[in-house]
Each structure stands twice: as C-alpha cells, then as structure tokens.
C-alpha cells in the first residue's frame, strides 16, 4: 500500500498530459518553452520547499499510502512528483483558459473563420 500516492500522482500527471496532447495546450504546442517553464517552476517550488524545511515550517507526514522514501530530511520522493504535476496542471489549465477566453472574446462574425 506504500506506493499508492506516487502511482496516483503519476497517473494524474499522465491524464493531464493526455488532455494537453488532445488540445495541444502546453507541451504539444511548444515543447521547448513548456520544458523550460516546467523546469523553472519545479526548481522554484523545490527551493521553496527546502527553505520551508530549513526554516522548520514544512514537515513530512507519515501516511500509509506514501512510499516512505525520502530524498532529504523531511523531503519525500513524492514531493517533486507532486510539484511536477502542480506545474503541468497549472499550465494546462492556464493555456486552456486563455484559449477559451480568446475564443469567447471574438465577435460572432469571426468565429466561423
């Protein structure tokens, strides 16, 4: 039962990437830019986590569904996977929302063109 959470994180990340592929929102729109944004976002949040751990703010909770593998004190292996999911999910939702709002803002005569 110890790997339920990381497996679910990877499955939901896969679902976000399938949604991204279907609508060409992020990685399938511009893979290089998406990779840079994802790497920078992941690095930012990992630095944030390390600062929180160092400051005594963040702690690793014990859960039966977590793997128990830690990369550093108080930093479980699931954390970078979750942060990767967070960045990808945010960018897919953002680019999807921009696309929807852009289409809605067009005049009705432009929609069919």
N, C-alpha and C. Protein backbone atom coordinates (compact mmCIF):
# COMPACT_ATOMS: atom_id res chain seq x y z
N UNK A 1 0.82 -1.20 0.00
CA UNK A 1 0.00 0.00 0.00
C UNK A 1 0.87 1.26 0.00
N UNK A 2 2.17 1.09 0.19
CA UNK A 2 3.06 2.22 0.34
C UNK A 2 3.32 3.04 -0.90
N UNK A 3 2.90 2.57 -2.08
CA UNK A 3 3.18 3.33 -3.29
C UNK A 3 1.90 3.83 -3.96
N UNK A 4 0.81 3.86 -3.24
CA UNK A 4 -0.46 4.32 -3.81
C UNK A 4 -0.37 5.79 -4.22
N UNK A 5 0.11 6.63 -3.34
CA UNK A 5 0.17 8.06 -3.61
C UNK A 5 1.07 8.39 -4.81
N UNK A 6 2.32 7.89 -4.87
CA UNK A 6 3.13 8.22 -6.05
C UNK A 6 2.54 7.67 -7.35
N UNK A 7 1.94 6.50 -7.29
CA UNK A 7 1.33 5.93 -8.50
C UNK A 7 0.15 6.79 -8.95
N UNK A 8 -0.68 7.23 -8.00
CA UNK A 8 -1.80 8.11 -8.34
C UNK A 8 -1.31 9.45 -8.88
N UNK A 9 -0.24 9.97 -8.32
CA UNK A 9 0.33 11.22 -8.84
C UNK A 9 0.78 11.05 -10.28
N UNK A 10 1.48 9.96 -10.56
CA UNK A 10 1.94 9.72 -11.93
C UNK A 10 0.77 9.49 -12.88
N UNK A 11 -0.27 8.80 -12.40
CA UNK A 11 -1.45 8.56 -13.25
C UNK A 11 -2.16 9.88 -13.57
N UNK A 12 -2.32 10.75 -12.59
CA UNK A 12 -2.99 12.02 -12.85
C UNK A 12 -2.12 12.93 -13.72
N UNK A 13 -0.81 12.85 -13.55
CA UNK A 13 0.09 13.59 -14.43
C UNK A 13 -0.06 13.09 -15.86
N UNK A 14 -0.16 11.79 -16.03
CA UNK A 14 -0.38 11.22 -17.35
C UNK A 14 -1.69 11.68 -17.95
N UNK A 15 -2.74 11.77 -17.13
CA UNK A 15 -4.03 12.27 -17.62
C UNK A 15 -3.94 13.72 -18.06
N UNK A 16 -3.20 14.54 -17.32
CA UNK A 16 -3.02 15.94 -17.72
C UNK A 16 -2.27 16.04 -19.04
N UNK A 17 -1.29 15.16 -19.23
CA UNK A 17 -0.53 15.17 -20.48
C UNK A 17 -1.38 14.68 -21.65
N UNK A 18 -2.29 13.74 -21.40
CA UNK A 18 -3.22 13.31 -22.45
C UNK A 18 -4.16 14.45 -22.83
N UNK A 19 -4.65 15.17 -21.84
CA UNK A 19 -5.51 16.33 -22.10
C UNK A 19 -4.73 17.40 -22.87
N UNK A 20 -3.49 17.60 -22.48
CA UNK A 20 -2.62 18.54 -23.17
C UNK A 20 -2.43 18.12 -24.62
N UNK A 21 -2.18 16.85 -24.83
CA UNK A 21 -1.99 16.36 -26.20
C UNK A 21 -3.25 16.52 -27.04
N UNK A 22 -4.38 16.21 -26.45
CA UNK A 22 -5.65 16.28 -27.19
C UNK A 22 -5.93 17.69 -27.70
N UNK A 23 -5.67 18.68 -26.87
CA UNK A 23 -6.00 20.06 -27.24
C UNK A 23 -4.77 20.91 -27.59
N UNK A 24 -3.59 20.30 -27.58
CA UNK A 24 -2.34 20.99 -27.91
C UNK A 24 -2.22 22.31 -27.13
N UNK A 25 -2.18 22.19 -25.82
CA UNK A 25 -2.20 23.36 -24.96
C UNK A 25 -0.82 23.81 -24.48
N UNK A 26 0.03 22.86 -24.13
CA UNK A 26 1.28 23.24 -23.46
C UNK A 26 2.47 22.53 -24.11
N UNK A 27 2.73 21.29 -23.77
CA UNK A 27 3.87 20.57 -24.36
C UNK A 27 3.68 20.32 -25.85
N UNK A 28 2.47 20.00 -26.25
CA UNK A 28 2.24 19.71 -27.67
C UNK A 28 2.03 20.97 -28.49
N UNK A 29 2.08 22.10 -27.86
CA UNK A 29 2.01 23.37 -28.58
C UNK A 29 3.41 23.91 -28.83
N UNK A 30 4.25 23.89 -27.79
CA UNK A 30 5.64 24.35 -27.90
C UNK A 30 6.46 23.60 -26.85
N UNK A 31 7.05 22.48 -27.24
CA UNK A 31 7.72 21.58 -26.31
C UNK A 31 8.93 22.24 -25.62
N UNK A 32 9.67 23.04 -26.34
CA UNK A 32 10.87 23.66 -25.75
C UNK A 32 10.48 24.66 -24.66
N UNK A 33 9.56 25.55 -24.98
CA UNK A 33 9.11 26.53 -23.98
C UNK A 33 8.45 25.84 -22.79
N UNK A 34 7.66 24.82 -23.06
CA UNK A 34 6.98 24.10 -21.98
C UNK A 34 7.98 23.41 -21.07
N UNK A 35 9.03 22.85 -21.65
CA UNK A 35 10.06 22.20 -20.85
C UNK A 35 10.79 23.20 -19.96
N UNK A 36 11.10 24.36 -20.51
CA UNK A 36 11.77 25.41 -19.73
C UNK A 36 10.86 25.89 -18.60
N UNK A 37 9.61 26.17 -18.90
CA UNK A 37 8.67 26.63 -17.88
C UNK A 37 8.51 25.58 -16.79
N UNK A 38 8.39 24.33 -17.18
CA UNK A 38 8.22 23.25 -16.21
C UNK A 38 9.46 23.10 -15.34
N UNK A 39 10.62 23.14 -15.93
CA UNK A 39 11.87 23.00 -15.16
C UNK A 39 12.05 24.17 -14.19
N UNK A 40 11.79 25.38 -14.66
CA UNK A 40 11.93 26.56 -13.78
C UNK A 40 10.89 26.51 -12.65
N UNK A 41 9.66 26.16 -12.99
CA UNK A 41 8.63 26.06 -11.97
C UNK A 41 8.94 24.99 -10.94
N UNK A 42 9.38 23.83 -11.39
CA UNK A 42 9.74 22.75 -10.48
C UNK A 42 10.91 23.16 -9.59
N UNK A 43 11.93 23.78 -10.17
CA UNK A 43 13.08 24.24 -9.39
C UNK A 43 12.66 25.27 -8.35
N UNK A 44 11.80 26.21 -8.75
CA UNK A 44 11.32 27.24 -7.82
C UNK A 44 10.62 26.61 -6.62
N UNK A 45 9.72 25.68 -6.88
CA UNK A 45 8.96 25.08 -5.79
C UNK A 45 9.84 24.16 -4.93
N UNK A 46 10.84 23.52 -5.52
CA UNK A 46 11.75 22.71 -4.71
C UNK A 46 12.60 23.59 -3.80
N UNK A 47 13.07 24.72 -4.32
CA UNK A 47 13.81 25.67 -3.48
C UNK A 47 12.90 26.19 -2.37
N UNK A 48 11.66 26.46 -2.70
CA UNK A 48 10.67 26.91 -1.71
C UNK A 48 10.52 25.86 -0.61
N UNK A 49 10.39 24.59 -1.01
CA UNK A 49 10.25 23.51 -0.04
C UNK A 49 11.48 23.38 0.84
N UNK A 50 12.66 23.45 0.23
CA UNK A 50 13.89 23.34 1.01
C UNK A 50 13.99 24.49 2.00
N UNK A 51 13.60 25.69 1.59
CA UNK A 51 13.61 26.83 2.51
C UNK A 51 12.62 26.60 3.65
N UNK A 52 11.46 26.07 3.33
CA UNK A 52 10.47 25.78 4.38
C UNK A 52 10.93 24.69 5.32
N UNK A 53 11.59 23.68 4.79
CA UNK A 53 12.12 22.60 5.63
C UNK A 53 13.24 23.13 6.53
N UNK A 54 14.14 23.92 5.93
CA UNK A 54 15.25 24.50 6.69
C UNK A 54 14.74 25.43 7.78
N UNK A 55 13.68 26.16 7.49
CA UNK A 55 13.10 27.07 8.47
C UNK A 55 12.21 26.40 9.50
N UNK A 56 12.05 25.10 9.38
CA UNK A 56 11.23 24.37 10.35
C UNK A 56 9.74 24.53 10.14
N UNK A 57 9.34 24.93 8.93
CA UNK A 57 7.93 25.15 8.64
C UNK A 57 7.29 23.90 8.04
N UNK A 58 8.01 23.22 7.15
CA UNK A 58 7.47 22.04 6.47
C UNK A 58 8.00 20.77 7.12
N UNK A 59 7.10 19.82 7.31
CA UNK A 59 7.45 18.52 7.86
C UNK A 59 6.84 17.42 7.03
N UNK A 60 7.51 16.30 6.99
CA UNK A 60 6.99 15.14 6.27
C UNK A 60 6.02 14.41 7.18
N UNK A 61 4.82 14.22 6.70
CA UNK A 61 3.83 13.48 7.47
C UNK A 61 3.93 12.00 7.17
N UNK A 62 3.57 11.19 8.11
CA UNK A 62 3.56 9.74 7.92
C UNK A 62 2.20 9.34 7.36
N UNK A 63 2.21 8.63 6.26
CA UNK A 63 0.96 8.17 5.66
C UNK A 63 1.16 6.76 5.12
N UNK A 64 0.15 5.95 5.25
CA UNK A 64 0.23 4.56 4.79
C UNK A 64 0.32 4.48 3.27
N UNK A 65 -0.19 5.48 2.57
CA UNK A 65 -0.19 5.44 1.10
C UNK A 65 1.09 6.00 0.49
N UNK A 66 1.95 6.62 1.30
CA UNK A 66 3.22 7.17 0.81
C UNK A 66 4.29 6.07 0.80
N UNK A 67 5.31 6.28 -0.01
CA UNK A 67 6.34 5.26 -0.17
C UNK A 67 7.29 5.17 1.02
N UNK A 68 7.49 6.27 1.71
CA UNK A 68 8.44 6.29 2.81
C UNK A 68 9.86 6.60 2.37
N UNK A 69 10.07 6.74 1.06
CA UNK A 69 11.40 7.07 0.54
C UNK A 69 11.59 8.59 0.62
N UNK A 70 12.72 9.00 1.18
CA UNK A 70 12.99 10.43 1.30
C UNK A 70 14.24 10.79 0.50
N UNK A 71 14.20 11.94 -0.13
CA UNK A 71 15.35 12.46 -0.88
C UNK A 71 16.30 13.22 0.03
N UNK A 72 15.73 13.82 1.05
CA UNK A 72 16.47 14.58 2.06
C UNK A 72 15.58 14.57 3.30
N UNK A 73 16.13 14.98 4.43
CA UNK A 73 15.27 15.01 5.62
C UNK A 73 14.02 15.87 5.36
N UNK A 74 12.88 15.29 5.66
CA UNK A 74 11.57 15.94 5.51
C UNK A 74 11.15 16.17 4.05
N UNK A 75 11.85 15.59 3.08
CA UNK A 75 11.51 15.75 1.67
C UNK A 75 11.26 14.37 1.04
N UNK A 76 10.00 13.93 1.06
CA UNK A 76 9.70 12.62 0.48
C UNK A 76 9.80 12.64 -1.04
N UNK A 77 10.01 11.49 -1.62
CA UNK A 77 10.15 11.39 -3.07
C UNK A 77 8.88 11.83 -3.79
N UNK A 78 7.76 11.74 -3.12
CA UNK A 78 6.50 12.16 -3.73
C UNK A 78 6.42 13.67 -3.96
N UNK A 79 7.17 14.43 -3.21
CA UNK A 79 7.08 15.89 -3.31
C UNK A 79 7.48 16.43 -4.68
N UNK A 80 8.62 16.05 -5.25
CA UNK A 80 8.93 16.54 -6.60
C UNK A 80 7.93 16.07 -7.65
N UNK A 81 7.40 14.86 -7.47
CA UNK A 81 6.39 14.36 -8.41
C UNK A 81 5.13 15.21 -8.30
N UNK A 82 4.72 15.52 -7.07
CA UNK A 82 3.55 16.39 -6.88
C UNK A 82 3.80 17.78 -7.46
N UNK A 83 4.98 18.32 -7.24
CA UNK A 83 5.29 19.65 -7.77
C UNK A 83 5.31 19.66 -9.29
N UNK A 84 5.81 18.59 -9.90
CA UNK A 84 5.77 18.46 -11.35
C UNK A 84 4.32 18.44 -11.83
N UNK A 85 3.49 17.66 -11.16
CA UNK A 85 2.06 17.63 -11.50
C UNK A 85 1.44 19.02 -11.34
N UNK A 86 1.78 19.70 -10.26
CA UNK A 86 1.23 21.04 -10.00
C UNK A 86 1.57 22.02 -11.12
N UNK A 87 2.81 22.02 -11.55
CA UNK A 87 3.24 22.93 -12.61
C UNK A 87 2.55 22.59 -13.92
N UNK A 88 2.55 21.32 -14.29
CA UNK A 88 1.93 20.91 -15.56
C UNK A 88 0.43 21.19 -15.53
N UNK A 89 -0.22 20.85 -14.43
CA UNK A 89 -1.66 21.09 -14.31
C UNK A 89 -1.98 22.58 -14.42
N UNK A 90 -1.21 23.39 -13.73
CA UNK A 90 -1.42 24.84 -13.78
C UNK A 90 -1.28 25.38 -15.19
N UNK A 91 -0.26 24.93 -15.90
CA UNK A 91 -0.03 25.44 -17.25
C UNK A 91 -1.08 24.94 -18.23
N UNK A 92 -1.53 23.70 -18.08
CA UNK A 92 -2.60 23.19 -18.96
C UNK A 92 -3.89 23.95 -18.71
N UNK A 93 -4.23 24.17 -17.44
CA UNK A 93 -5.44 24.94 -17.11
C UNK A 93 -5.31 26.37 -17.61
N UNK A 94 -4.15 26.99 -17.40
CA UNK A 94 -3.94 28.37 -17.83
C UNK A 94 -4.06 28.51 -19.35
N UNK A 95 -3.35 27.66 -20.08
CA UNK A 95 -3.39 27.78 -21.54
C UNK A 95 -4.77 27.43 -22.09
N UNK A 96 -5.45 26.49 -21.44
CA UNK A 96 -6.83 26.18 -21.84
C UNK A 96 -7.77 27.34 -21.58
N UNK A 97 -7.62 27.99 -20.43
CA UNK A 97 -8.46 29.14 -20.11
C UNK A 97 -8.21 30.30 -21.07
N UNK A 98 -6.94 30.53 -21.40
CA UNK A 98 -6.61 31.59 -22.37
C UNK A 98 -7.28 31.30 -23.71
N UNK A 99 -7.22 30.05 -24.14
CA UNK A 99 -7.83 29.68 -25.42
C UNK A 99 -9.35 29.90 -25.37
N UNK A 100 -9.99 29.48 -24.30
CA UNK A 100 -11.44 29.66 -24.18
C UNK A 100 -11.80 31.14 -24.15
N UNK A 101 -11.10 31.92 -23.35
CA UNK A 101 -11.41 33.34 -23.24
C UNK A 101 -11.14 34.08 -24.55
N UNK A 102 -10.09 33.67 -25.26
CA UNK A 102 -9.80 34.29 -26.55
C UNK A 102 -10.91 34.03 -27.55
N UNK A 103 -11.38 32.80 -27.57
CA UNK A 103 -12.47 32.46 -28.50
C UNK A 103 -13.77 33.16 -28.13
N UNK A 104 -14.02 33.30 -26.84
CA UNK A 104 -15.26 33.96 -26.40
C UNK A 104 -15.24 35.46 -26.68
N UNK A 105 -14.04 36.04 -26.70
CA UNK A 105 -13.95 37.48 -26.91
C UNK A 105 -14.07 37.88 -28.38
N UNK A 106 -13.98 36.90 -29.27
CA UNK A 106 -14.15 37.21 -30.70
C UNK A 106 -15.58 37.58 -30.99
N UNK A 107 -15.73 38.42 -31.99
CA UNK A 107 -17.09 38.78 -32.43
C UNK A 107 -17.71 37.56 -33.10
N UNK A 108 -19.02 37.44 -33.04
CA UNK A 108 -19.69 36.27 -33.65
C UNK A 108 -19.35 36.09 -35.13
N UNK A 109 -19.11 37.16 -35.87
CA UNK A 109 -18.80 37.04 -37.30
C UNK A 109 -17.43 36.44 -37.54
N UNK A 110 -16.51 36.52 -36.53
CA UNK A 110 -15.15 35.98 -36.67
C UNK A 110 -15.06 34.52 -36.29
N UNK A 111 -16.02 34.01 -35.56
CA UNK A 111 -15.94 32.64 -35.02
C UNK A 111 -15.88 31.62 -36.14
N UNK A 112 -16.63 31.79 -37.19
CA UNK A 112 -16.66 30.80 -38.27
C UNK A 112 -15.47 30.86 -39.19
N UNK A 113 -14.60 31.81 -39.07
CA UNK A 113 -13.47 31.97 -40.00
C UNK A 113 -12.30 31.17 -39.59
